[in-house]
Amino acid sequence: AAAAVPPDALLPGDLVFFATGRNAVDHV
């Protein structure tokens, strides 16, 4: 549901996503 933001444009409150397992996002 989110719009991608380049890392250098992050603002407080933006969501950051991680794939801690096998390629799929599973952490925020």
PDB file of all heavy atoms in Angstrom:
ATOM      1  N   ALA A   1       0.805  -1.221   0.000  1.00  0.00           N
ATOM      2  CA  ALA A   1       0.000   0.000   0.000  1.00  0.00           C
ATOM      3  C   ALA A   1       0.841   1.276   0.000  1.00  0.00           C
ATOM      4  O   ALA A   1       0.324   2.365  -0.266  1.00  0.00           O
ATOM      5  CB  ALA A   1      -0.928   0.009   1.221  1.00  0.00           C
ATOM      6  N   ALA A   2       2.136   1.151   0.287  1.00  0.00           N
ATOM      7  CA  ALA A   2       2.998   2.326   0.432  1.00  0.00           C
ATOM      8  C   ALA A   2       3.608   2.752  -0.899  1.00  0.00           C
ATOM      9  O   ALA A   2       3.754   1.957  -1.818  1.00  0.00           O
ATOM     10  CB  ALA A   2       4.119   2.012   1.425  1.00  0.00           C
ATOM     11  N   ALA A   3       3.977   4.018  -0.969  1.00  0.00           N
ATOM     12  CA  ALA A   3       4.733   4.541  -2.108  1.00  0.00           C
ATOM     13  C   ALA A   3       6.209   4.515  -1.741  1.00  0.00           C
ATOM     14  O   ALA A   3       6.587   4.888  -0.627  1.00  0.00           O
ATOM     15  CB  ALA A   3       4.293   5.965  -2.417  1.00  0.00           C
ATOM     16  N   ALA A   4       7.028   4.069  -2.661  1.00  0.00           N
ATOM     17  CA  ALA A   4       8.471   3.994  -2.414  1.00  0.00           C
ATOM     18  C   ALA A   4       9.071   5.391  -2.289  1.00  0.00           C
ATOM     19  O   ALA A   4       8.663   6.323  -2.984  1.00  0.00           O
ATOM     20  CB  ALA A   4       9.149   3.236  -3.544  1.00  0.00           C
ATOM     21  N   VAL A   5      10.024   5.509  -1.369  1.00  0.00           N
ATOM     22  CA  VAL A   5      10.749   6.767  -1.140  1.00  0.00           C
ATOM     23  C   VAL A   5      12.235   6.424  -1.164  1.00  0.00           C
ATOM     24  O   VAL A   5      12.652   5.470  -0.497  1.00  0.00           O
ATOM     25  CB  VAL A   5      10.375   7.370   0.242  1.00  0.00           C
ATOM     26  CG1 VAL A   5      11.201   8.596   0.544  1.00  0.00           C
ATOM     27  CG2 VAL A   5       8.898   7.685   0.307  1.00  0.00           C
ATOM     28  N   PRO A   6      13.041   7.176  -1.905  1.00  0.00           N
ATOM     29  CA  PRO A   6      14.484   6.901  -1.881  1.00  0.00           C
ATOM     30  C   PRO A   6      15.029   7.077  -0.468  1.00  0.00           C
ATOM     31  O   PRO A   6      14.556   7.933   0.287  1.00  0.00           O
ATOM     32  CB  PRO A   6      15.078   7.957  -2.818  1.00  0.00           C
ATOM     33  CG  PRO A   6      13.938   8.488  -3.614  1.00  0.00           C
ATOM     34  CD  PRO A   6      12.704   8.295  -2.782  1.00  0.00           C
ATOM     35  N   PRO A   7      16.020   6.270  -0.085  1.00  0.00           N
ATOM     36  CA  PRO A   7      16.566   6.364   1.277  1.00  0.00           C
ATOM     37  C   PRO A   7      16.996   7.769   1.683  1.00  0.00           C
ATOM     38  O   PRO A   7      16.798   8.170   2.821  1.00  0.00           O
ATOM     39  CB  PRO A   7      17.764   5.407   1.253  1.00  0.00           C
ATOM     40  CG  PRO A   7      17.408   4.412   0.197  1.00  0.00           C
ATOM     41  CD  PRO A   7      16.649   5.183  -0.847  1.00  0.00           C
ATOM     42  N   ASP A   8      17.518   8.548   0.750  1.00  0.00           N
ATOM     43  CA  ASP A   8      17.968   9.899   1.103  1.00  0.00           C
ATOM     44  C   ASP A   8      16.822  10.901   1.210  1.00  0.00           C
ATOM     45  O   ASP A   8      17.039  12.060   1.548  1.00  0.00           O
ATOM     46  CB  ASP A   8      19.029  10.392   0.126  1.00  0.00           C
ATOM     47  CG  ASP A   8      18.520  10.522  -1.300  1.00  0.00           C
ATOM     48  OD1 ASP A   8      17.420  10.015  -1.617  1.00  0.00           O
ATOM     49  OD2 ASP A   8      19.234  11.135  -2.119  1.00  0.00           O
ATOM     50  N   ALA A   9      15.589  10.459   0.946  1.00  0.00           N
ATOM     51  CA  ALA A   9      14.426  11.331   1.058  1.00  0.00           C
ATOM     52  C   ALA A   9      13.514  10.930   2.218  1.00  0.00           C
ATOM     53  O   ALA A   9      12.428  11.497   2.371  1.00  0.00           O
ATOM     54  CB  ALA A   9      13.631  11.324  -0.249  1.00  0.00           C
ATOM     55  N   LEU A  10      13.941   9.966   3.050  1.00  0.00           N
ATOM     56  CA  LEU A  10      13.110   9.530   4.175  1.00  0.00           C
ATOM     57  C   LEU A  10      12.863  10.676   5.141  1.00  0.00           C
ATOM     58  O   LEU A  10      13.760  11.470   5.438  1.00  0.00           O
ATOM     59  CB  LEU A  10      13.790   8.386   4.932  1.00  0.00           C
ATOM     60  CG  LEU A  10      13.762   7.017   4.278  1.00  0.00           C
ATOM     61  CD1 LEU A  10      14.670   6.057   5.034  1.00  0.00           C
ATOM     62  CD2 LEU A  10      12.347   6.487   4.202  1.00  0.00           C
ATOM     63  N   LEU A  11      11.641  10.738   5.630  1.00  0.00           N
ATOM     64  CA  LEU A  11      11.249  11.691   6.670  1.00  0.00           C
ATOM     65  C   LEU A  11      10.772  10.905   7.886  1.00  0.00           C
ATOM     66  O   LEU A  11      10.291   9.775   7.752  1.00  0.00           O
ATOM     67  CB  LEU A  11      10.116  12.594   6.182  1.00  0.00           C
ATOM     68  CG  LEU A  11      10.448  13.558   5.059  1.00  0.00           C
ATOM     69  CD1 LEU A  11       9.182  14.272   4.597  1.00  0.00           C
ATOM     70  CD2 LEU A  11      11.492  14.567   5.515  1.00  0.00           C
ATOM     71  N   PRO A  12      10.867  11.494   9.082  1.00  0.00           N
ATOM     72  CA  PRO A  12      10.315  10.816  10.254  1.00  0.00           C
ATOM     73  C   PRO A  12       8.868  10.395   9.992  1.00  0.00           C
ATOM     74  O   PRO A  12       8.082  11.152   9.422  1.00  0.00           O
ATOM     75  CB  PRO A  12      10.407  11.876  11.350  1.00  0.00           C
ATOM     76  CG  PRO A  12      11.596  12.692  10.943  1.00  0.00           C
ATOM     77  CD  PRO A  12      11.488  12.773   9.430  1.00  0.00           C
ATOM     78  N   GLY A  13       8.567   9.165  10.379  1.00  0.00           N
ATOM     79  CA  GLY A  13       7.237   8.617  10.184  1.00  0.00           C
ATOM     80  C   GLY A  13       7.120   7.715   8.974  1.00  0.00           C
ATOM     81  O   GLY A  13       6.160   6.954   8.864  1.00  0.00           O
ATOM     82  N   ASP A  14       8.085   7.794   8.058  1.00  0.00           N
ATOM     83  CA  ASP A  14       8.045   6.902   6.904  1.00  0.00           C
ATOM     84  C   ASP A  14       8.276   5.461   7.370  1.00  0.00           C
ATOM     85  O   ASP A  14       8.973   5.215   8.357  1.00  0.00           O
ATOM     86  CB  ASP A  14       9.119   7.273   5.884  1.00  0.00           C
ATOM     87  CG  ASP A  14       8.779   8.527   5.080  1.00  0.00           C
ATOM     88  OD1 ASP A  14       7.609   8.960   5.103  1.00  0.00           O
ATOM     89  OD2 ASP A  14       9.695   9.063   4.421  1.00  0.00           O
ATOM     90  N   LEU A  15       7.690   4.536   6.641  1.00  0.00           N
ATOM     91  CA  LEU A  15       7.889   3.122   6.945  1.00  0.00           C
ATOM     92  C   LEU A  15       9.159   2.630   6.271  1.00  0.00           C
ATOM     93  O   LEU A  15       9.467   3.031   5.144  1.00  0.00           O
ATOM     94  CB  LEU A  15       6.696   2.302   6.454  1.00  0.00           C
ATOM     95  CG  LEU A  15       5.355   2.601   7.119  1.00  0.00           C
ATOM     96  CD1 LEU A  15       4.236   1.797   6.454  1.00  0.00           C
ATOM     97  CD2 LEU A  15       5.416   2.316   8.607  1.00  0.00           C
ATOM     98  N   VAL A  16       9.889   1.764   6.952  1.00  0.00           N
ATOM     99  CA  VAL A  16      11.059   1.108   6.376  1.00  0.00           C
ATOM    100  C   VAL A  16      10.804  -0.399   6.434  1.00  0.00           C
ATOM    101  O   VAL A  16      10.358  -0.922   7.449  1.00  0.00           O
ATOM    102  CB  VAL A  16      12.365   1.506   7.107  1.00  0.00           C
ATOM    103  CG1 VAL A  16      12.733   2.944   6.807  1.00  0.00           C
ATOM    104  CG2 VAL A  16      12.255   1.319   8.607  1.00  0.00           C
ATOM    105  N   PHE A  17      11.058  -1.062   5.312  1.00  0.00           N
ATOM    106  CA  PHE A  17      10.721  -2.471   5.155  1.00  0.00           C
ATOM    107  C   PHE A  17      11.971  -3.322   5.011  1.00  0.00           C
ATOM    108  O   PHE A  17      12.971  -2.879   4.452  1.00  0.00           O
ATOM    109  CB  PHE A  17       9.828  -2.665   3.924  1.00  0.00           C
ATOM    110  CG  PHE A  17       8.510  -1.955   4.035  1.00  0.00           C
ATOM    111  CD1 PHE A  17       8.337  -0.694   3.498  1.00  0.00           C
ATOM    112  CD2 PHE A  17       7.448  -2.543   4.694  1.00  0.00           C
ATOM    113  CE1 PHE A  17       7.132  -0.027   3.607  1.00  0.00           C
ATOM    114  CE2 PHE A  17       6.232  -1.893   4.813  1.00  0.00           C
ATOM    115  CZ  PHE A  17       6.072  -0.633   4.269  1.00  0.00           C
ATOM    116  N   PHE A  18      11.871  -4.561   5.476  1.00  0.00           N
ATOM    117  CA  PHE A  18      12.986  -5.489   5.441  1.00  0.00           C
ATOM    118  C   PHE A  18      12.507  -6.872   5.036  1.00  0.00           C
ATOM    119  O   PHE A  18      11.385  -7.261   5.371  1.00  0.00           O
ATOM    120  CB  PHE A  18      13.634  -5.608   6.834  1.00  0.00           C
ATOM    121  CG  PHE A  18      14.075  -4.295   7.384  1.00  0.00           C
ATOM    122  CD1 PHE A  18      13.212  -3.528   8.145  1.00  0.00           C
ATOM    123  CD2 PHE A  18      15.352  -3.824   7.124  1.00  0.00           C
ATOM    124  CE1 PHE A  18      13.614  -2.305   8.655  1.00  0.00           C
ATOM    125  CE2 PHE A  18      15.760  -2.600   7.631  1.00  0.00           C
ATOM    126  CZ  PHE A  18      14.898  -1.838   8.392  1.00  0.00           C
ATOM    127  N   ALA A  19      13.371  -7.587   4.357  1.00  0.00           N
ATOM    128  CA  ALA A  19      13.146  -8.999   4.070  1.00  0.00           C
ATOM    129  C   ALA A  19      14.161  -9.746   4.920  1.00  0.00           C
ATOM    130  O   ALA A  19      15.333  -9.819   4.567  1.00  0.00           O
ATOM    131  CB  ALA A  19      13.342  -9.293   2.593  1.00  0.00           C
ATOM    132  N   THR A  20      13.727 -10.258   6.055  1.00  0.00           N
ATOM    133  CA  THR A  20      14.650 -10.937   6.965  1.00  0.00           C
ATOM    134  C   THR A  20      14.785 -12.411   6.633  1.00  0.00           C
ATOM    135  O   THR A  20      15.659 -13.076   7.146  1.00  0.00           O
ATOM    136  CB  THR A  20      14.207 -10.791   8.438  1.00  0.00           C
ATOM    137  OG1 THR A  20      12.941 -11.428   8.605  1.00  0.00           O
ATOM    138  CG2 THR A  20      14.117  -9.329   8.837  1.00  0.00           C
ATOM    139  N   GLY A  21      13.900 -12.901   5.783  1.00  0.00           N
ATOM    140  CA  GLY A  21      13.921 -14.315   5.415  1.00  0.00           C
ATOM    141  C   GLY A  21      14.285 -14.496   3.961  1.00  0.00           C
ATOM    142  O   GLY A  21      15.335 -14.073   3.507  1.00  0.00           O
ATOM    143  N   ARG A  22      13.382 -15.052   3.197  1.00  0.00           N
ATOM    144  CA  ARG A  22      13.634 -15.409   1.802  1.00  0.00           C
ATOM    145  C   ARG A  22      13.027 -14.414   0.828  1.00  0.00           C
ATOM    146  O   ARG A  22      12.029 -14.708   0.193  1.00  0.00           O
ATOM    147  CB  ARG A  22      13.055 -16.779   1.506  1.00  0.00           C
ATOM    148  CG  ARG A  22      13.697 -17.887   2.256  1.00  0.00           C
ATOM    149  CD  ARG A  22      13.049 -19.178   1.791  1.00  0.00           C
ATOM    150  NE  ARG A  22      13.691 -20.296   2.399  1.00  0.00           N
ATOM    151  CZ  ARG A  22      14.290 -21.246   1.711  1.00  0.00           C
ATOM    152  NH1 ARG A  22      14.309 -21.211   0.401  1.00  0.00           N
ATOM    153  NH2 ARG A  22      14.863 -22.231   2.344  1.00  0.00           N
ATOM    154  N   ASN A  23      13.599 -13.258   0.706  1.00  0.00           N
ATOM    155  CA  ASN A  23      13.247 -12.262  -0.309  1.00  0.00           C
ATOM    156  C   ASN A  23      11.946 -11.506  -0.079  1.00  0.00           C
ATOM    157  O   ASN A  23      11.798 -10.413  -0.572  1.00  0.00           O
ATOM    158  CB  ASN A  23      13.215 -12.865  -1.717  1.00  0.00           C
ATOM    159  CG  ASN A  23      14.546 -13.446  -2.104  1.00  0.00           C
ATOM    160  OD1 ASN A  23      15.596 -12.969  -1.689  1.00  0.00           O
ATOM    161  ND2 ASN A  23      14.511 -14.498  -2.899  1.00  0.00           N
ATOM    162  N   ALA A  24      10.976 -12.059   0.613  1.00  0.00           N
ATOM    163  CA  ALA A  24       9.700 -11.371   0.813  1.00  0.00           C
ATOM    164  C   ALA A  24       9.791 -10.440   2.025  1.00  0.00           C
ATOM    165  O   ALA A  24      10.437 -10.766   3.020  1.00  0.00           O
ATOM    166  CB  ALA A  24       8.586 -12.381   1.026  1.00  0.00           C
ATOM    167  N   VAL A  25       9.137  -9.295   1.940  1.00  0.00           N
ATOM    168  CA  VAL A  25       9.098  -8.372   3.072  1.00  0.00           C
ATOM    169  C   VAL A  25       8.366  -9.037   4.222  1.00  0.00           C
ATOM    170  O   VAL A  25       7.261  -9.544   4.064  1.00  0.00           O
ATOM    171  CB  VAL A  25       8.411  -7.049   2.673  1.00  0.00           C
ATOM    172  CG1 VAL A  25       8.052  -6.230   3.888  1.00  0.00           C
ATOM    173  CG2 VAL A  25       9.306  -6.251   1.746  1.00  0.00           C
ATOM    174  N   ASP A  26       9.018  -9.054   5.387  1.00  0.00           N
ATOM    175  CA  ASP A  26       8.399  -9.657   6.563  1.00  0.00           C
ATOM    176  C   ASP A  26       8.677  -8.861   7.833  1.00  0.00           C
ATOM    177  O   ASP A  26       8.390  -9.325   8.936  1.00  0.00           O
ATOM    178  CB  ASP A  26       8.846 -11.108   6.736  1.00  0.00           C
ATOM    179  CG  ASP A  26      10.359 -11.248   6.892  1.00  0.00           C
ATOM    180  OD1 ASP A  26      11.068 -10.232   6.845  1.00  0.00           O
ATOM    181  OD2 ASP A  26      10.832 -12.383   7.061  1.00  0.00           O
ATOM    182  N   HIS A  27       9.208  -7.655   7.682  1.00  0.00           N
ATOM    183  CA  HIS A  27       9.487  -6.817   8.850  1.00  0.00           C
ATOM    184  C   HIS A  27       9.359  -5.355   8.444  1.00  0.00           C
ATOM    185  O   HIS A  27       9.688  -4.979   7.318  1.00  0.00           O
ATOM    186  CB  HIS A  27      10.891  -7.102   9.391  1.00  0.00           C
ATOM    187  CG  HIS A  27      11.145  -6.501  10.732  1.00  0.00           C
ATOM    188  ND1 HIS A  27      10.470  -6.902  11.873  1.00  0.00           N
ATOM    189  CD2 HIS A  27      11.987  -5.519  11.122  1.00  0.00           C
ATOM    190  CE1 HIS A  27      10.902  -6.187  12.903  1.00  0.00           C
ATOM    191  NE2 HIS A  27      11.820  -5.342  12.473  1.00  0.00           N
ATOM    192  N   VAL A  28       8.872  -4.532   9.378  1.00  0.00           N
ATOM    193  CA  VAL A  28       8.659  -3.112   9.105  1.00  0.00           C
ATOM    194  C   VAL A  28       8.952  -2.312  10.371  1.00  0.00           C
ATOM    195  O   VAL A  28       8.796  -2.816  11.489  1.00  0.00           O
ATOM    196  CB  VAL A  28       7.205  -2.862   8.604  1.00  0.00           C
ATOM    197  CG1 VAL A  28       6.163  -3.250   9.651  1.00  0.00           C
ATOM    198  CG2 VAL A  28       7.009  -1.427   8.149  1.00  0.00           C
TER     199      VAL A  28
END
